[in-house]
């Protein structure tokens, strides 16, 4: 949420720039205390 909102401040200025829907497939990292349930 944070990096994308920061990025969009460069591209959204007017009502003409909206709506915008962007997505990605990205590796996430979470330091879980106990990894379980396989994948």
ModelCIF file with pLDDT and N, C-alpha, C, O atoms, coordinates in Angstrom:
data_MODEL
#
_entry.id   MODEL 
#
_entity.id                         1 
_entity.type                       polymer 
_entity.pdbx_number_of_molecules   1 
#
_entity_poly.entity_id                      1 
_entity_poly.type                           'polypeptide(L)' 
_entity_poly.nstd_linkage                   no 
_entity_poly.nstd_monomer                   no 
_entity_poly.pdbx_seq_one_letter_code       
;(UNK)(UNK)(UNK)(UNK)(UNK)(UNK)(UNK)(UNK)(UNK)(UNK)(UNK)(UNK)(UNK)(UNK)(UNK)(UNK)
(UNK)(UNK)(UNK)(UNK)(UNK)(UNK)(UNK)(UNK)(UNK)(UNK)(UNK)(UNK)(UNK)(UNK)(UNK)(UNK)
(UNK)(UNK)(UNK)(UNK)(UNK)(UNK)(UNK)
;
_entity_poly.pdbx_seq_one_letter_code_can   XXXXXXXXXXXXXXXXXXXXXXXXXXXXXXXXXXXXXXX 
_entity_poly.pdbx_strand_id                 A 
#
loop_
_entity_poly_seq.entity_id 
_entity_poly_seq.num 
_entity_poly_seq.mon_id 
_entity_poly_seq.hetero 
1 1  UNK n 
1 2  UNK n 
1 3  UNK n 
1 4  UNK n 
1 5  UNK n 
1 6  UNK n 
1 7  UNK n 
1 8  UNK n 
1 9  UNK n 
1 10 UNK n 
1 11 UNK n 
1 12 UNK n 
1 13 UNK n 
1 14 UNK n 
1 15 UNK n 
1 16 UNK n 
1 17 UNK n 
1 18 UNK n 
1 19 UNK n 
1 20 UNK n 
1 21 UNK n 
1 22 UNK n 
1 23 UNK n 
1 24 UNK n 
1 25 UNK n 
1 26 UNK n 
1 27 UNK n 
1 28 UNK n 
1 29 UNK n 
1 30 UNK n 
1 31 UNK n 
1 32 UNK n 
1 33 UNK n 
1 34 UNK n 
1 35 UNK n 
1 36 UNK n 
1 37 UNK n 
1 38 UNK n 
1 39 UNK n 
#
_struct_asym.id          A 
_struct_asym.entity_id   1 
#
loop_
_ma_qa_metric.id 
_ma_qa_metric.mode 
_ma_qa_metric.name 
_ma_qa_metric.software_group_id 
_ma_qa_metric.type 
1 global pLDDT . pLDDT 
2 local  pLDDT . pLDDT 
#
_ma_qa_metric_global.metric_id      1 
_ma_qa_metric_global.metric_value   95.05 
_ma_qa_metric_global.model_id       1 
_ma_qa_metric_global.ordinal_id     1 
#
loop_
_ma_qa_metric_local.label_asym_id 
_ma_qa_metric_local.label_comp_id 
_ma_qa_metric_local.label_seq_id 
_ma_qa_metric_local.metric_id 
_ma_qa_metric_local.metric_value 
_ma_qa_metric_local.model_id 
_ma_qa_metric_local.ordinal_id 
A UNK 1  2 96.00 1 1  
A UNK 2  2 97.00 1 2  
A UNK 3  2 97.00 1 3  
A UNK 4  2 98.00 1 4  
A UNK 5  2 98.00 1 5  
A UNK 6  2 98.00 1 6  
A UNK 7  2 98.00 1 7  
A UNK 8  2 98.00 1 8  
A UNK 9  2 98.00 1 9  
A UNK 10 2 98.00 1 10 
A UNK 11 2 98.00 1 11 
A UNK 12 2 98.00 1 12 
A UNK 13 2 98.00 1 13 
A UNK 14 2 98.00 1 14 
A UNK 15 2 98.00 1 15 
A UNK 16 2 98.00 1 16 
A UNK 17 2 98.00 1 17 
A UNK 18 2 98.00 1 18 
A UNK 19 2 98.00 1 19 
A UNK 20 2 98.00 1 20 
A UNK 21 2 98.00 1 21 
A UNK 22 2 98.00 1 22 
A UNK 23 2 98.00 1 23 
A UNK 24 2 98.00 1 24 
A UNK 25 2 98.00 1 25 
A UNK 26 2 96.00 1 26 
A UNK 27 2 96.00 1 27 
A UNK 28 2 96.00 1 28 
A UNK 29 2 96.00 1 29 
A UNK 30 2 95.00 1 30 
A UNK 31 2 93.00 1 31 
A UNK 32 2 88.00 1 32 
A UNK 33 2 85.00 1 33 
A UNK 34 2 81.00 1 34 
A UNK 35 2 79.00 1 35 
A UNK 36 2 80.00 1 36 
A UNK 37 2 89.00 1 37 
A UNK 38 2 93.00 1 38 
A UNK 39 2 94.00 1 39 
#
loop_
_atom_site.group_PDB 
_atom_site.id 
_atom_site.type_symbol 
_atom_site.label_atom_id 
_atom_site.label_alt_id 
_atom_site.label_comp_id 
_atom_site.label_asym_id 
_atom_site.label_entity_id 
_atom_site.label_seq_id 
_atom_site.pdbx_PDB_ins_code 
_atom_site.Cartn_x 
_atom_site.Cartn_y 
_atom_site.Cartn_z 
_atom_site.occupancy 
_atom_site.B_iso_or_equiv 
_atom_site.pdbx_formal_charge 
_atom_site.auth_seq_id 
_atom_site.auth_comp_id 
_atom_site.auth_asym_id 
_atom_site.auth_atom_id 
_atom_site.pdbx_PDB_model_num 
ATOM 1   N N  . UNK A 1 1  ? 0.822   -1.214  0.000   1.00 96.00 ? 1  UNK A N  1 
ATOM 2   C CA . UNK A 1 1  ? 0.000   0.000   0.000   1.00 96.00 ? 1  UNK A CA 1 
ATOM 3   C C  . UNK A 1 1  ? 0.853   1.260   0.000   1.00 96.00 ? 1  UNK A C  1 
ATOM 4   O O  . UNK A 1 1  ? 0.622   2.172   -0.794  1.00 96.00 ? 1  UNK A O  1 
ATOM 5   N N  . UNK A 1 2  ? 1.838   1.310   0.889   1.00 97.00 ? 2  UNK A N  1 
ATOM 6   C CA . UNK A 1 2  ? 2.650   2.521   1.016   1.00 97.00 ? 2  UNK A CA 1 
ATOM 7   C C  . UNK A 1 2  ? 3.440   2.862   -0.236  1.00 97.00 ? 2  UNK A C  1 
ATOM 8   O O  . UNK A 1 2  ? 3.305   3.975   -0.744  1.00 97.00 ? 2  UNK A O  1 
ATOM 9   N N  . UNK A 1 3  ? 4.264   1.948   -0.759  1.00 97.00 ? 3  UNK A N  1 
ATOM 10  C CA . UNK A 1 3  ? 5.053   2.325   -1.936  1.00 97.00 ? 3  UNK A CA 1 
ATOM 11  C C  . UNK A 1 3  ? 4.204   2.647   -3.159  1.00 97.00 ? 3  UNK A C  1 
ATOM 12  O O  . UNK A 1 3  ? 4.573   3.513   -3.953  1.00 97.00 ? 3  UNK A O  1 
ATOM 13  N N  . UNK A 1 4  ? 3.076   1.966   -3.323  1.00 98.00 ? 4  UNK A N  1 
ATOM 14  C CA . UNK A 1 4  ? 2.251   2.244   -4.497  1.00 98.00 ? 4  UNK A CA 1 
ATOM 15  C C  . UNK A 1 4  ? 1.533   3.586   -4.356  1.00 98.00 ? 4  UNK A C  1 
ATOM 16  O O  . UNK A 1 4  ? 1.432   4.334   -5.329  1.00 98.00 ? 4  UNK A O  1 
ATOM 17  N N  . UNK A 1 5  ? 1.037   3.900   -3.164  1.00 98.00 ? 5  UNK A N  1 
ATOM 18  C CA . UNK A 1 5  ? 0.403   5.203   -2.968  1.00 98.00 ? 5  UNK A CA 1 
ATOM 19  C C  . UNK A 1 5  ? 1.416   6.315   -3.211  1.00 98.00 ? 5  UNK A C  1 
ATOM 20  O O  . UNK A 1 5  ? 1.101   7.331   -3.830  1.00 98.00 ? 5  UNK A O  1 
ATOM 21  N N  . UNK A 1 6  ? 2.633   6.114   -2.719  1.00 98.00 ? 6  UNK A N  1 
ATOM 22  C CA . UNK A 1 6  ? 3.698   7.092   -2.940  1.00 98.00 ? 6  UNK A CA 1 
ATOM 23  C C  . UNK A 1 6  ? 3.987   7.254   -4.432  1.00 98.00 ? 6  UNK A C  1 
ATOM 24  O O  . UNK A 1 6  ? 4.167   8.371   -4.917  1.00 98.00 ? 6  UNK A O  1 
ATOM 25  N N  . UNK A 1 7  ? 4.031   6.138   -5.151  1.00 98.00 ? 7  UNK A N  1 
ATOM 26  C CA . UNK A 1 7  ? 4.270   6.175   -6.596  1.00 98.00 ? 7  UNK A CA 1 
ATOM 27  C C  . UNK A 1 7  ? 3.156   6.927   -7.325  1.00 98.00 ? 7  UNK A C  1 
ATOM 28  O O  . UNK A 1 7  ? 3.424   7.705   -8.240  1.00 98.00 ? 7  UNK A O  1 
ATOM 29  N N  . UNK A 1 8  ? 1.912   6.694   -6.921  1.00 98.00 ? 8  UNK A N  1 
ATOM 30  C CA . UNK A 1 8  ? 0.775   7.280   -7.634  1.00 98.00 ? 8  UNK A CA 1 
ATOM 31  C C  . UNK A 1 8  ? 0.672   8.789   -7.455  1.00 98.00 ? 8  UNK A C  1 
ATOM 32  O O  . UNK A 1 8  ? -0.047  9.446   -8.208  1.00 98.00 ? 8  UNK A O  1 
ATOM 33  N N  . UNK A 1 9  ? 1.373   9.352   -6.476  1.00 98.00 ? 9  UNK A N  1 
ATOM 34  C CA . UNK A 1 9  ? 1.370   10.814  -6.355  1.00 98.00 ? 9  UNK A CA 1 
ATOM 35  C C  . UNK A 1 9  ? 2.013   11.474  -7.572  1.00 98.00 ? 9  UNK A C  1 
ATOM 36  O O  . UNK A 1 9  ? 1.795   12.659  -7.824  1.00 98.00 ? 9  UNK A O  1 
ATOM 37  N N  . UNK A 1 10 ? 2.811   10.708  -8.332  1.00 98.00 ? 10 UNK A N  1 
ATOM 38  C CA . UNK A 1 10 ? 3.432   11.243  -9.540  1.00 98.00 ? 10 UNK A CA 1 
ATOM 39  C C  . UNK A 1 10 ? 2.511   11.184  -10.759 1.00 98.00 ? 10 UNK A C  1 
ATOM 40  O O  . UNK A 1 10 ? 2.773   11.836  -11.770 1.00 98.00 ? 10 UNK A O  1 
ATOM 41  N N  . UNK A 1 11 ? 1.426   10.397  -10.662 1.00 98.00 ? 11 UNK A N  1 
ATOM 42  C CA . UNK A 1 11 ? 0.603   10.149  -11.844 1.00 98.00 ? 11 UNK A CA 1 
ATOM 43  C C  . UNK A 1 11 ? -0.865  10.557  -11.682 1.00 98.00 ? 11 UNK A C  1 
ATOM 44  O O  . UNK A 1 11 ? -1.588  10.659  -12.673 1.00 98.00 ? 11 UNK A O  1 
ATOM 45  N N  . UNK A 1 12 ? -1.304  10.789  -10.459 1.00 98.00 ? 12 UNK A N  1 
ATOM 46  C CA . UNK A 1 12 ? -2.697  11.189  -10.234 1.00 98.00 ? 12 UNK A CA 1 
ATOM 47  C C  . UNK A 1 12 ? -2.719  12.638  -9.762  1.00 98.00 ? 12 UNK A C  1 
ATOM 48  O O  . UNK A 1 12 ? -2.201  12.965  -8.695  1.00 98.00 ? 12 UNK A O  1 
ATOM 49  N N  . UNK A 1 13 ? -3.329  13.501  -10.574 1.00 98.00 ? 13 UNK A N  1 
ATOM 50  C CA . UNK A 1 13 ? -3.429  14.920  -10.227 1.00 98.00 ? 13 UNK A CA 1 
ATOM 51  C C  . UNK A 1 13 ? -4.830  15.468  -10.479 1.00 98.00 ? 13 UNK A C  1 
ATOM 52  O O  . UNK A 1 13 ? -5.299  16.356  -9.768  1.00 98.00 ? 13 UNK A O  1 
ATOM 53  N N  . UNK A 1 14 ? -5.487  14.930  -11.497 1.00 98.00 ? 14 UNK A N  1 
ATOM 54  C CA . UNK A 1 14 ? -6.782  15.441  -11.931 1.00 98.00 ? 14 UNK A CA 1 
ATOM 55  C C  . UNK A 1 14 ? -7.827  14.327  -11.907 1.00 98.00 ? 14 UNK A C  1 
ATOM 56  O O  . UNK A 1 14 ? -7.487  13.144  -11.900 1.00 98.00 ? 14 UNK A O  1 
ATOM 57  N N  . UNK A 1 15 ? -9.096  14.716  -11.894 1.00 98.00 ? 15 UNK A N  1 
ATOM 58  C CA . UNK A 1 15 ? -10.183 13.734  -11.990 1.00 98.00 ? 15 UNK A CA 1 
ATOM 59  C C  . UNK A 1 15 ? -10.079 12.941  -13.283 1.00 98.00 ? 15 UNK A C  1 
ATOM 60  O O  . UNK A 1 15 ? -10.608 11.833  -13.374 1.00 98.00 ? 15 UNK A O  1 
ATOM 61  N N  . UNK A 1 16 ? -9.405  13.493  -14.282 1.00 98.00 ? 16 UNK A N  1 
ATOM 62  C CA . UNK A 1 16 ? -9.222  12.789  -15.548 1.00 98.00 ? 16 UNK A CA 1 
ATOM 63  C C  . UNK A 1 16 ? -8.255  11.607  -15.416 1.00 98.00 ? 16 UNK A C  1 
ATOM 64  O O  . UNK A 1 16 ? -8.220  10.728  -16.277 1.00 98.00 ? 16 UNK A O  1 
ATOM 65  N N  . UNK A 1 17 ? -7.472  11.594  -14.330 1.00 98.00 ? 17 UNK A N  1 
ATOM 66  C CA . UNK A 1 17 ? -6.520  10.502  -14.106 1.00 98.00 ? 17 UNK A CA 1 
ATOM 67  C C  . UNK A 1 17 ? -7.155  9.319   -13.378 1.00 98.00 ? 17 UNK A C  1 
ATOM 68  O O  . UNK A 1 17 ? -6.497  8.303   -13.152 1.00 98.00 ? 17 UNK A O  1 
ATOM 69  N N  . UNK A 1 18 ? -8.417  9.446   -13.016 1.00 98.00 ? 18 UNK A N  1 
ATOM 70  C CA . UNK A 1 18 ? -9.103  8.437   -12.220 1.00 98.00 ? 18 UNK A CA 1 
ATOM 71  C C  . UNK A 1 18 ? -10.356 7.931   -12.930 1.00 98.00 ? 18 UNK A C  1 
ATOM 72  O O  . UNK A 1 18 ? -10.933 8.643   -13.752 1.00 98.00 ? 18 UNK A O  1 
ATOM 73  N N  . UNK A 1 19 ? -10.782 6.700   -12.615 1.00 98.00 ? 19 UNK A N  1 
ATOM 74  C CA . UNK A 1 19 ? -10.206 5.763   -11.658 1.00 98.00 ? 19 UNK A CA 1 
ATOM 75  C C  . UNK A 1 19 ? -8.979  5.058   -12.233 1.00 98.00 ? 19 UNK A C  1 
ATOM 76  O O  . UNK A 1 19 ? -8.754  5.062   -13.443 1.00 98.00 ? 19 UNK A O  1 
ATOM 77  N N  . UNK A 1 20 ? -8.196  4.457   -11.352 1.00 98.00 ? 20 UNK A N  1 
ATOM 78  C CA . UNK A 1 20 ? -7.027  3.679   -11.762 1.00 98.00 ? 20 UNK A CA 1 
ATOM 79  C C  . UNK A 1 20 ? -6.999  2.392   -10.948 1.00 98.00 ? 20 UNK A C  1 
ATOM 80  O O  . UNK A 1 20 ? -7.226  2.401   -9.738  1.00 98.00 ? 20 UNK A O  1 
ATOM 81  N N  . UNK A 1 21 ? -6.717  1.281   -11.636 1.00 98.00 ? 21 UNK A N  1 
ATOM 82  C CA . UNK A 1 21 ? -6.672  -0.031  -10.980 1.00 98.00 ? 21 UNK A CA 1 
ATOM 83  C C  . UNK A 1 21 ? -5.379  -0.718  -11.407 1.00 98.00 ? 21 UNK A C  1 
ATOM 84  O O  . UNK A 1 21 ? -5.207  -1.043  -12.581 1.00 98.00 ? 21 UNK A O  1 
ATOM 85  N N  . UNK A 1 22 ? -4.486  -0.938  -10.474 1.00 98.00 ? 22 UNK A N  1 
ATOM 86  C CA . UNK A 1 22 ? -3.197  -1.554  -10.799 1.00 98.00 ? 22 UNK A CA 1 
ATOM 87  C C  . UNK A 1 22 ? -2.963  -2.758  -9.904  1.00 98.00 ? 22 UNK A C  1 
ATOM 88  O O  . UNK A 1 22 ? -3.388  -2.786  -8.748  1.00 98.00 ? 22 UNK A O  1 
ATOM 89  N N  . UNK A 1 23 ? -2.278  -3.754  -10.458 1.00 98.00 ? 23 UNK A N  1 
ATOM 90  C CA . UNK A 1 23 ? -2.032  -4.969  -9.671  1.00 98.00 ? 23 UNK A CA 1 
ATOM 91  C C  . UNK A 1 23 ? -0.684  -5.554  -10.054 1.00 98.00 ? 23 UNK A C  1 
ATOM 92  O O  . UNK A 1 23 ? -0.068  -5.166  -11.046 1.00 98.00 ? 23 UNK A O  1 
ATOM 93  N N  . UNK A 1 24 ? -0.248  -6.500  -9.236  1.00 98.00 ? 24 UNK A N  1 
ATOM 94  C CA . UNK A 1 24 ? 1.028   -7.169  -9.477  1.00 98.00 ? 24 UNK A CA 1 
ATOM 95  C C  . UNK A 1 24 ? 0.983   -8.586  -8.918  1.00 98.00 ? 24 UNK A C  1 
ATOM 96  O O  . UNK A 1 24 ? 0.135   -8.918  -8.091  1.00 98.00 ? 24 UNK A O  1 
ATOM 97  N N  . UNK A 1 25 ? 1.916   -9.416  -9.388  1.00 98.00 ? 25 UNK A N  1 
ATOM 98  C CA . UNK A 1 25 ? 2.250   -10.679 -8.745  1.00 98.00 ? 25 UNK A CA 1 
ATOM 99  C C  . UNK A 1 25 ? 3.647   -10.467 -8.168  1.00 98.00 ? 25 UNK A C  1 
ATOM 100 O O  . UNK A 1 25 ? 4.613   -10.305 -8.913  1.00 98.00 ? 25 UNK A O  1 
ATOM 101 N N  . UNK A 1 26 ? 3.746   -10.468 -6.873  1.00 96.00 ? 26 UNK A N  1 
ATOM 102 C CA . UNK A 1 26 ? 4.991   -10.070 -6.230  1.00 96.00 ? 26 UNK A CA 1 
ATOM 103 C C  . UNK A 1 26 ? 5.264   -10.962 -5.027  1.00 96.00 ? 26 UNK A C  1 
ATOM 104 O O  . UNK A 1 26 ? 4.344   -11.349 -4.307  1.00 96.00 ? 26 UNK A O  1 
ATOM 105 N N  . UNK A 1 27 ? 6.529   -11.283 -4.816  1.00 96.00 ? 27 UNK A N  1 
ATOM 106 C CA . UNK A 1 27 ? 6.909   -12.061 -3.648  1.00 96.00 ? 27 UNK A CA 1 
ATOM 107 C C  . UNK A 1 27 ? 6.833   -11.192 -2.399  1.00 96.00 ? 27 UNK A C  1 
ATOM 108 O O  . UNK A 1 27 ? 7.376   -10.088 -2.356  1.00 96.00 ? 27 UNK A O  1 
ATOM 109 N N  . UNK A 1 28 ? 6.150   -11.711 -1.390  1.00 96.00 ? 28 UNK A N  1 
ATOM 110 C CA . UNK A 1 28 ? 6.044   -11.030 -0.107  1.00 96.00 ? 28 UNK A CA 1 
ATOM 111 C C  . UNK A 1 28 ? 6.842   -11.811 0.936   1.00 96.00 ? 28 UNK A C  1 
ATOM 112 O O  . UNK A 1 28 ? 7.054   -13.017 0.811   1.00 96.00 ? 28 UNK A O  1 
ATOM 113 N N  . UNK A 1 29 ? 7.274   -11.093 1.957   1.00 96.00 ? 29 UNK A N  1 
ATOM 114 C CA . UNK A 1 29 ? 8.064   -11.701 3.026   1.00 96.00 ? 29 UNK A CA 1 
ATOM 115 C C  . UNK A 1 29 ? 7.438   -11.336 4.365   1.00 96.00 ? 29 UNK A C  1 
ATOM 116 O O  . UNK A 1 29 ? 7.229   -10.159 4.658   1.00 96.00 ? 29 UNK A O  1 
ATOM 117 N N  . UNK A 1 30 ? 7.142   -12.338 5.171   1.00 95.00 ? 30 UNK A N  1 
ATOM 118 C CA . UNK A 1 30 ? 6.584   -12.095 6.495   1.00 95.00 ? 30 UNK A CA 1 
ATOM 119 C C  . UNK A 1 30 ? 7.281   -12.994 7.507   1.00 95.00 ? 30 UNK A C  1 
ATOM 120 O O  . UNK A 1 30 ? 7.310   -14.217 7.366   1.00 95.00 ? 30 UNK A O  1 
ATOM 121 N N  . UNK A 1 31 ? 7.836   -12.362 8.520   1.00 93.00 ? 31 UNK A N  1 
ATOM 122 C CA . UNK A 1 31 ? 8.630   -13.075 9.516   1.00 93.00 ? 31 UNK A CA 1 
ATOM 123 C C  . UNK A 1 31 ? 7.713   -13.723 10.550  1.00 93.00 ? 31 UNK A C  1 
ATOM 124 O O  . UNK A 1 31 ? 7.669   -13.327 11.715  1.00 93.00 ? 31 UNK A O  1 
ATOM 125 N N  . UNK A 1 32 ? 6.977   -14.741 10.076  1.00 88.00 ? 32 UNK A N  1 
ATOM 126 C CA . UNK A 1 32 ? 6.040   -15.447 10.942  1.00 88.00 ? 32 UNK A CA 1 
ATOM 127 C C  . UNK A 1 32 ? 6.806   -16.183 12.043  1.00 88.00 ? 32 UNK A C  1 
ATOM 128 O O  . UNK A 1 32 ? 7.857   -16.775 11.797  1.00 88.00 ? 32 UNK A O  1 
ATOM 129 N N  . UNK A 1 33 ? 6.264   -16.134 13.249  1.00 85.00 ? 33 UNK A N  1 
ATOM 130 C CA . UNK A 1 33 ? 6.915   -16.837 14.362  1.00 85.00 ? 33 UNK A CA 1 
ATOM 131 C C  . UNK A 1 33 ? 6.918   -18.334 14.135  1.00 85.00 ? 33 UNK A C  1 
ATOM 132 O O  . UNK A 1 33 ? 7.872   -19.028 14.488  1.00 85.00 ? 33 UNK A O  1 
ATOM 133 N N  . UNK A 1 34 ? 5.832   -18.831 13.536  1.00 81.00 ? 34 UNK A N  1 
ATOM 134 C CA . UNK A 1 34 ? 5.749   -20.265 13.270  1.00 81.00 ? 34 UNK A CA 1 
ATOM 135 C C  . UNK A 1 34 ? 5.106   -20.492 11.914  1.00 81.00 ? 34 UNK A C  1 
ATOM 136 O O  . UNK A 1 34 ? 3.892   -20.358 11.759  1.00 81.00 ? 34 UNK A O  1 
ATOM 137 N N  . UNK A 1 35 ? 5.929   -20.837 10.933  1.00 79.00 ? 35 UNK A N  1 
ATOM 138 C CA . UNK A 1 35 ? 5.403   -21.141 9.606   1.00 79.00 ? 35 UNK A CA 1 
ATOM 139 C C  . UNK A 1 35 ? 4.742   -22.516 9.648   1.00 79.00 ? 35 UNK A C  1 
ATOM 140 O O  . UNK A 1 35 ? 5.326   -23.474 10.154  1.00 79.00 ? 35 UNK A O  1 
ATOM 141 N N  . UNK A 1 36 ? 3.537   -22.610 9.121   1.00 80.00 ? 36 UNK A N  1 
ATOM 142 C CA . UNK A 1 36 ? 2.816   -23.879 9.181   1.00 80.00 ? 36 UNK A CA 1 
ATOM 143 C C  . UNK A 1 36 ? 1.860   -23.967 7.994   1.00 80.00 ? 36 UNK A C  1 
ATOM 144 O O  . UNK A 1 36 ? 1.791   -23.058 7.167   1.00 80.00 ? 36 UNK A O  1 
ATOM 145 N N  . UNK A 1 37 ? 1.139   -25.058 7.928   1.00 89.00 ? 37 UNK A N  1 
ATOM 146 C CA . UNK A 1 37 ? 0.133   -25.279 6.886   1.00 89.00 ? 37 UNK A CA 1 
ATOM 147 C C  . UNK A 1 37 ? 0.726   -25.376 5.494   1.00 89.00 ? 37 UNK A C  1 
ATOM 148 O O  . UNK A 1 37 ? 0.048   -25.057 4.517   1.00 89.00 ? 37 UNK A O  1 
ATOM 149 N N  . UNK A 1 38 ? 1.986   -25.812 5.374   1.00 93.00 ? 38 UNK A N  1 
ATOM 150 C CA . UNK A 1 38 ? 2.590   -26.005 4.064   1.00 93.00 ? 38 UNK A CA 1 
ATOM 151 C C  . UNK A 1 38 ? 2.650   -24.713 3.278   1.00 93.00 ? 38 UNK A C  1 
ATOM 152 O O  . UNK A 1 38 ? 3.070   -23.681 3.802   1.00 93.00 ? 38 UNK A O  1 
ATOM 153 N N  . UNK A 1 39 ? 2.226   -24.764 2.003   1.00 94.00 ? 39 UNK A N  1 
ATOM 154 C CA . UNK A 1 39 ? 2.304   -23.559 1.166   1.00 94.00 ? 39 UNK A CA 1 
ATOM 155 C C  . UNK A 1 39 ? 1.137   -22.605 1.415   1.00 94.00 ? 39 UNK A C  1 
ATOM 156 O O  . UNK A 1 39 ? 1.059   -21.548 0.789   1.00 94.00 ? 39 UNK A O  1 
#
